[in-house]
C-alpha atoms as a PDB file:
ATOM      1  CA  UNK A   1      44.780  37.023 146.559  1.00  0.00           C
ATOM      2  CA  UNK A   2      45.917  33.511 147.082  1.00  0.00           C
ATOM      3  CA  UNK A   3      42.040  32.127 145.865  1.00  0.00           C
ATOM      4  CA  UNK A   4      41.917  33.771 142.114  1.00  0.00           C
ATOM      5  CA  UNK A   5      46.206  33.087 141.443  1.00  0.00           C
ATOM      6  CA  UNK A   6      45.014  29.440 141.027  1.00  0.00           C
ATOM      7  CA  UNK A   7      42.834  31.063 138.425  1.00  0.00           C
ATOM      8  CA  UNK A   8      45.308  31.760 136.447  1.00  0.00           C
ATOM      9  CA  UNK A   9      46.448  29.431 133.296  1.00  0.00           C
ATOM     10  CA  UNK A  10      50.267  28.527 133.751  1.00  0.00           C
ATOM     11  CA  UNK A  11      51.914  28.172 130.138  1.00  0.00           C
ATOM     12  CA  UNK A  12      52.035  23.860 128.844  1.00  0.00           C
ATOM     13  CA  UNK A  13      55.956  24.434 129.020  1.00  0.00           C
ATOM     14  CA  UNK A  14      56.544  25.700 132.385  1.00  0.00           C
ATOM     15  CA  UNK A  15      53.453  22.494 134.178  1.00  0.00           C
ATOM     16  CA  UNK A  16      55.980  19.974 131.722  1.00  0.00           C
ATOM     17  CA  UNK A  17      59.089  20.991 133.817  1.00  0.00           C
ATOM     18  CA  UNK A  18      56.690  20.375 137.194  1.00  0.00           C
ATOM     19  CA  UNK A  19      55.404  18.064 136.151  1.00  0.00           C
ATOM     20  CA  UNK A  20      58.332  16.357 135.098  1.00  0.00           C
ATOM     21  CA  UNK A  21      60.472  17.848 138.471  1.00  0.00           C
ATOM     22  CA  UNK A  22      57.786  15.768 140.599  1.00  0.00           C
ATOM     23  CA  UNK A  23      57.940  12.529 139.401  1.00  0.00           C
ATOM     24  CA  UNK A  24      61.672  12.291 139.082  1.00  0.00           C
ATOM     25  CA  UNK A  25      61.740  14.158 141.770  1.00  0.00           C
ATOM     26  CA  UNK A  26      65.027  16.327 139.740  1.00  0.00           C
ATOM     27  CA  UNK A  27      64.897  19.799 141.821  1.00  0.00           C
ATOM     28  CA  UNK A  28      62.915  22.382 140.736  1.00  0.00           C
ATOM     29  CA  UNK A  29      64.985  26.328 140.843  1.00  0.00           C
ATOM     30  CA  UNK A  30      67.938  28.139 138.881  1.00  0.00           C
ATOM     31  CA  UNK A  31      70.583  26.363 138.756  1.00  0.00           C
ATOM     32  CA  UNK A  32      72.428  28.043 141.864  1.00  0.00           C
ATOM     33  CA  UNK A  33      69.729  26.418 143.975  1.00  0.00           C
ATOM     34  CA  UNK A  34      70.475  23.279 141.503  1.00  0.00           C
ATOM     35  CA  UNK A  35      74.165  23.199 142.435  1.00  0.00           C
ATOM     36  CA  UNK A  36      73.685  24.297 145.994  1.00  0.00           C
ATOM     37  CA  UNK A  37      71.296  21.064 146.662  1.00  0.00           C
ATOM     38  CA  UNK A  38      74.167  18.499 144.683  1.00  0.00           C
ATOM     39  CA  UNK A  39      76.728  19.489 146.471  1.00  0.00           C
ATOM     40  CA  UNK A  40      74.493  19.559 149.973  1.00  0.00           C
ATOM     41  CA  UNK A  41      72.254  15.999 148.933  1.00  0.00           C
ATOM     42  CA  UNK A  42      76.235  14.011 147.164  1.00  0.00           C
ATOM     43  CA  UNK A  43      72.678  13.347 144.470  1.00  0.00           C
ATOM     44  CA  UNK A  44      72.234  14.117 141.030  1.00  0.00           C
ATOM     45  CA  UNK A  45      69.166  17.200 140.166  1.00  0.00           C
ATOM     46  CA  UNK A  46      68.345  17.389 137.243  1.00  0.00           C
ATOM     47  CA  UNK A  47      68.316  15.139 134.459  1.00  0.00           C
ATOM     48  CA  UNK A  48      70.806  13.692 132.757  1.00  0.00           C
ATOM     49  CA  UNK A  49      70.880  14.677 128.676  1.00  0.00           C
ATOM     50  CA  UNK A  50      68.989  11.148 127.159  1.00  0.00           C
ATOM     51  CA  UNK A  51      70.753   8.432 125.181  1.00  0.00           C
ATOM     52  CA  UNK A  52      74.090   6.967 125.370  1.00  0.00           C
ATOM     53  CA  UNK A  53      77.594   9.772 124.965  1.00  0.00           C
ATOM     54  CA  UNK A  54      78.852   9.888 122.097  1.00  0.00           C
ATOM     55  CA  UNK A  55      82.469   8.377 121.534  1.00  0.00           C
ATOM     56  CA  UNK A  56      84.573  11.273 120.441  1.00  0.00           C
ATOM     57  CA  UNK A  57      86.108   9.195 117.074  1.00  0.00           C
ATOM     58  CA  UNK A  58      83.509   9.157 114.607  1.00  0.00           C
ATOM     59  CA  UNK A  59      82.944   5.488 113.605  1.00  0.00           C
ATOM     60  CA  UNK A  60      85.510   4.892 109.481  1.00  0.00           C
ATOM     61  CA  UNK A  61      83.219   3.890 107.157  1.00  0.00           C
ATOM     62  CA  UNK A  62      85.908   2.099 103.889  1.00  0.00           C
ATOM     63  CA  UNK A  63      86.490  -0.796 102.904  1.00  0.00           C
END
């Protein structure tokens, strides 16, 4: 049974999630599990969105 499970291909999105978690040392699991790990370690357990946070006001264009 154990050996046969390695013959099955994983979906590409699952492989990407596992690779990202491994490469960047993020927690892999449910939301509740990630929150538990964050609370216990004091360390962020998942990646923040890329890019700078948006400001509340849109820039005004008009001279």
